[in-house]
Amino acid sequence: MTLDKARVGQKIIIKNILDDNIRVQAIRLGLYEGANVKCSAKIPFGPIIIGNRLQEIAVGRELAKKFKSMF
């Protein structure tokens, strides 16, 4: 499954990031393969808000489709 399929409140483990360029940028934000995050909110027709430790990150839907996850 991909990150865009997460439900609000669901804990997620990022398994794989499908694009090498995105992987490098995501690591800077603390989103890396094996990271445990939580879906804080889903904006209708907008981004998915991911909680990672003490920060929240808005990830666009198309970008979220490139994160393979395990729920």
N, C-alpha and C. Protein backbone atom coordinates (compact mmCIF):
# COMPACT_ATOMS: atom_id res chain seq x y z
N MET A 1 0.84 -1.18 0.00
CA MET A 1 0.00 0.00 0.00
C MET A 1 0.88 1.24 0.00
N THR A 2 0.28 2.34 -0.38
CA THR A 2 1.02 3.60 -0.40
C THR A 2 0.47 4.54 0.67
N LEU A 3 1.22 5.56 0.97
CA LEU A 3 0.91 6.49 2.05
C LEU A 3 -0.42 7.22 1.84
N ASP A 4 -0.84 7.42 0.61
CA ASP A 4 -2.09 8.13 0.36
C ASP A 4 -3.32 7.32 0.80
N LYS A 5 -3.15 6.03 1.08
CA LYS A 5 -4.25 5.17 1.52
C LYS A 5 -4.43 5.15 3.04
N ALA A 6 -3.57 5.83 3.77
CA ALA A 6 -3.63 5.82 5.24
C ALA A 6 -4.91 6.48 5.74
N ARG A 7 -5.38 6.02 6.89
CA ARG A 7 -6.53 6.62 7.55
C ARG A 7 -6.05 7.51 8.68
N VAL A 8 -6.85 8.50 9.03
CA VAL A 8 -6.50 9.42 10.12
C VAL A 8 -6.33 8.63 11.42
N GLY A 9 -5.23 8.89 12.11
CA GLY A 9 -4.93 8.22 13.37
C GLY A 9 -4.15 6.93 13.22
N GLN A 10 -3.95 6.49 12.00
CA GLN A 10 -3.27 5.22 11.74
C GLN A 10 -1.76 5.37 11.85
N LYS A 11 -1.13 4.40 12.52
CA LYS A 11 0.33 4.38 12.60
C LYS A 11 0.86 3.66 11.37
N ILE A 12 1.95 4.20 10.82
CA ILE A 12 2.48 3.74 9.54
C ILE A 12 3.99 3.53 9.65
N ILE A 13 4.47 2.49 9.00
CA ILE A 13 5.90 2.28 8.83
C ILE A 13 6.21 2.47 7.35
N ILE A 14 7.12 3.39 7.05
CA ILE A 14 7.51 3.63 5.66
C ILE A 14 8.45 2.50 5.24
N LYS A 15 8.05 1.73 4.24
CA LYS A 15 8.83 0.59 3.78
C LYS A 15 9.78 0.93 2.65
N ASN A 16 9.32 1.77 1.72
CA ASN A 16 10.14 2.06 0.54
C ASN A 16 9.70 3.39 -0.05
N ILE A 17 10.66 4.15 -0.53
CA ILE A 17 10.37 5.40 -1.25
C ILE A 17 10.80 5.15 -2.69
N LEU A 18 9.83 5.22 -3.60
CA LEU A 18 10.03 4.73 -4.96
C LEU A 18 10.91 5.60 -5.86
N ASP A 19 11.15 6.85 -5.50
CA ASP A 19 11.92 7.76 -6.33
C ASP A 19 13.17 8.18 -5.57
N ASP A 20 14.34 8.02 -6.19
CA ASP A 20 15.61 8.34 -5.51
C ASP A 20 15.71 9.82 -5.13
N ASN A 21 15.27 10.72 -6.00
CA ASN A 21 15.33 12.15 -5.69
C ASN A 21 14.43 12.50 -4.52
N ILE A 22 13.26 11.91 -4.49
CA ILE A 22 12.34 12.16 -3.38
C ILE A 22 12.90 11.57 -2.08
N ARG A 23 13.55 10.41 -2.17
CA ARG A 23 14.13 9.78 -0.99
C ARG A 23 15.12 10.72 -0.31
N VAL A 24 15.97 11.37 -1.08
CA VAL A 24 16.97 12.28 -0.53
C VAL A 24 16.30 13.46 0.18
N GLN A 25 15.27 14.04 -0.45
CA GLN A 25 14.57 15.17 0.15
C GLN A 25 13.79 14.74 1.40
N ALA A 26 13.18 13.56 1.35
CA ALA A 26 12.37 13.07 2.47
C ALA A 26 13.23 12.81 3.70
N ILE A 27 14.44 12.32 3.50
CA ILE A 27 15.34 12.06 4.63
C ILE A 27 15.59 13.35 5.42
N ARG A 28 15.70 14.46 4.72
CA ARG A 28 15.91 15.75 5.39
C ARG A 28 14.76 16.12 6.30
N LEU A 29 13.57 15.59 6.01
CA LEU A 29 12.38 15.86 6.82
C LEU A 29 12.10 14.76 7.84
N GLY A 30 12.98 13.77 7.91
CA GLY A 30 12.80 12.69 8.85
C GLY A 30 11.90 11.58 8.34
N LEU A 31 11.61 11.57 7.04
CA LEU A 31 10.82 10.51 6.43
C LEU A 31 11.77 9.60 5.67
N TYR A 32 12.08 8.48 6.25
CA TYR A 32 13.04 7.56 5.66
C TYR A 32 12.48 6.15 5.75
N GLU A 33 13.07 5.24 5.03
CA GLU A 33 12.62 3.85 5.04
C GLU A 33 12.81 3.27 6.43
N GLY A 34 11.72 2.74 7.00
CA GLY A 34 11.74 2.21 8.36
C GLY A 34 11.20 3.17 9.40
N ALA A 35 10.94 4.41 9.01
CA ALA A 35 10.43 5.41 9.96
C ALA A 35 8.99 5.07 10.38
N ASN A 36 8.70 5.28 11.66
CA ASN A 36 7.35 5.11 12.20
C ASN A 36 6.70 6.48 12.27
N VAL A 37 5.62 6.67 11.55
CA VAL A 37 4.91 7.95 11.52
C VAL A 37 3.42 7.70 11.78
N LYS A 38 2.67 8.77 11.90
CA LYS A 38 1.23 8.67 12.14
C LYS A 38 0.50 9.63 11.21
N CYS A 39 -0.60 9.19 10.65
CA CYS A 39 -1.43 10.05 9.81
C CYS A 39 -2.26 10.94 10.73
N SER A 40 -1.92 12.21 10.79
CA SER A 40 -2.60 13.15 11.69
C SER A 40 -3.90 13.68 11.08
N ALA A 41 -3.91 13.89 9.77
CA ALA A 41 -5.10 14.43 9.10
C ALA A 41 -4.99 14.18 7.61
N LYS A 42 -6.16 14.20 6.95
CA LYS A 42 -6.22 14.13 5.49
C LYS A 42 -7.14 15.27 5.05
N ILE A 43 -6.58 16.20 4.33
CA ILE A 43 -7.36 17.32 3.82
C ILE A 43 -8.09 16.85 2.55
N PRO A 44 -9.41 17.02 2.48
CA PRO A 44 -10.13 16.58 1.28
C PRO A 44 -9.53 17.20 0.01
N PHE A 45 -9.18 16.36 -0.93
CA PHE A 45 -8.58 16.78 -2.21
C PHE A 45 -7.28 17.57 -1.99
N GLY A 46 -6.63 17.36 -0.86
CA GLY A 46 -5.40 18.08 -0.54
C GLY A 46 -4.38 17.14 0.07
N PRO A 47 -3.44 17.68 0.83
CA PRO A 47 -2.34 16.88 1.36
C PRO A 47 -2.74 15.97 2.51
N ILE A 48 -1.84 15.08 2.82
CA ILE A 48 -1.95 14.20 3.97
C ILE A 48 -0.97 14.74 5.00
N ILE A 49 -1.43 14.92 6.23
CA ILE A 49 -0.58 15.46 7.29
C ILE A 49 0.00 14.28 8.07
N ILE A 50 1.32 14.19 8.09
CA ILE A 50 2.03 13.10 8.73
C ILE A 50 2.73 13.62 9.98
N GLY A 51 2.47 12.99 11.11
CA GLY A 51 3.16 13.32 12.35
C GLY A 51 4.39 12.45 12.49
N ASN A 52 5.51 13.10 12.70
CA ASN A 52 6.78 12.40 12.85
C ASN A 52 7.50 13.00 14.05
N ARG A 53 7.50 12.26 15.14
CA ARG A 53 8.05 12.73 16.42
C ARG A 53 7.33 14.00 16.84
N LEU A 54 7.99 15.14 16.92
CA LEU A 54 7.36 16.37 17.40
C LEU A 54 7.02 17.33 16.26
N GLN A 55 6.99 16.86 15.04
CA GLN A 55 6.67 17.74 13.91
C GLN A 55 5.57 17.12 13.06
N GLU A 56 4.91 17.96 12.31
CA GLU A 56 3.92 17.51 11.35
C GLU A 56 4.33 18.00 9.97
N ILE A 57 4.17 17.14 8.98
CA ILE A 57 4.60 17.43 7.62
C ILE A 57 3.42 17.20 6.69
N ALA A 58 3.14 18.16 5.81
CA ALA A 58 2.09 18.00 4.81
C ALA A 58 2.72 17.39 3.55
N VAL A 59 2.17 16.26 3.14
CA VAL A 59 2.67 15.55 1.96
C VAL A 59 1.55 15.53 0.93
N GLY A 60 1.81 16.08 -0.25
CA GLY A 60 0.82 16.09 -1.32
C GLY A 60 0.41 14.68 -1.72
N ARG A 61 -0.80 14.54 -2.22
CA ARG A 61 -1.34 13.21 -2.57
C ARG A 61 -0.49 12.49 -3.61
N GLU A 62 -0.07 13.20 -4.65
CA GLU A 62 0.74 12.56 -5.69
C GLU A 62 2.08 12.11 -5.13
N LEU A 63 2.66 12.90 -4.25
CA LEU A 63 3.93 12.54 -3.62
C LEU A 63 3.72 11.35 -2.68
N ALA A 64 2.61 11.34 -1.95
CA ALA A 64 2.31 10.25 -1.02
C ALA A 64 2.19 8.92 -1.72
N LYS A 65 1.83 8.92 -2.99
CA LYS A 65 1.71 7.69 -3.76
C LYS A 65 3.07 7.04 -4.02
N LYS A 66 4.15 7.75 -3.78
CA LYS A 66 5.49 7.24 -4.03
C LYS A 66 6.13 6.64 -2.76
N PHE A 67 5.37 6.67 -1.65
CA PHE A 67 5.84 6.09 -0.39
C PHE A 67 5.12 4.77 -0.16
N LYS A 68 5.83 3.65 -0.29
CA LYS A 68 5.26 2.35 0.06
C LYS A 68 5.25 2.24 1.57
N SER A 69 4.11 1.79 2.13
CA SER A 69 3.96 1.76 3.56
C SER A 69 3.35 0.46 4.03
N MET A 70 3.51 0.22 5.33
CA MET A 70 2.86 -0.90 5.99
C MET A 70 2.05 -0.30 7.14
N PHE A 71 0.78 -0.67 7.21
CA PHE A 71 -0.09 -0.12 8.25
C PHE A 71 -0.24 -1.10 9.38
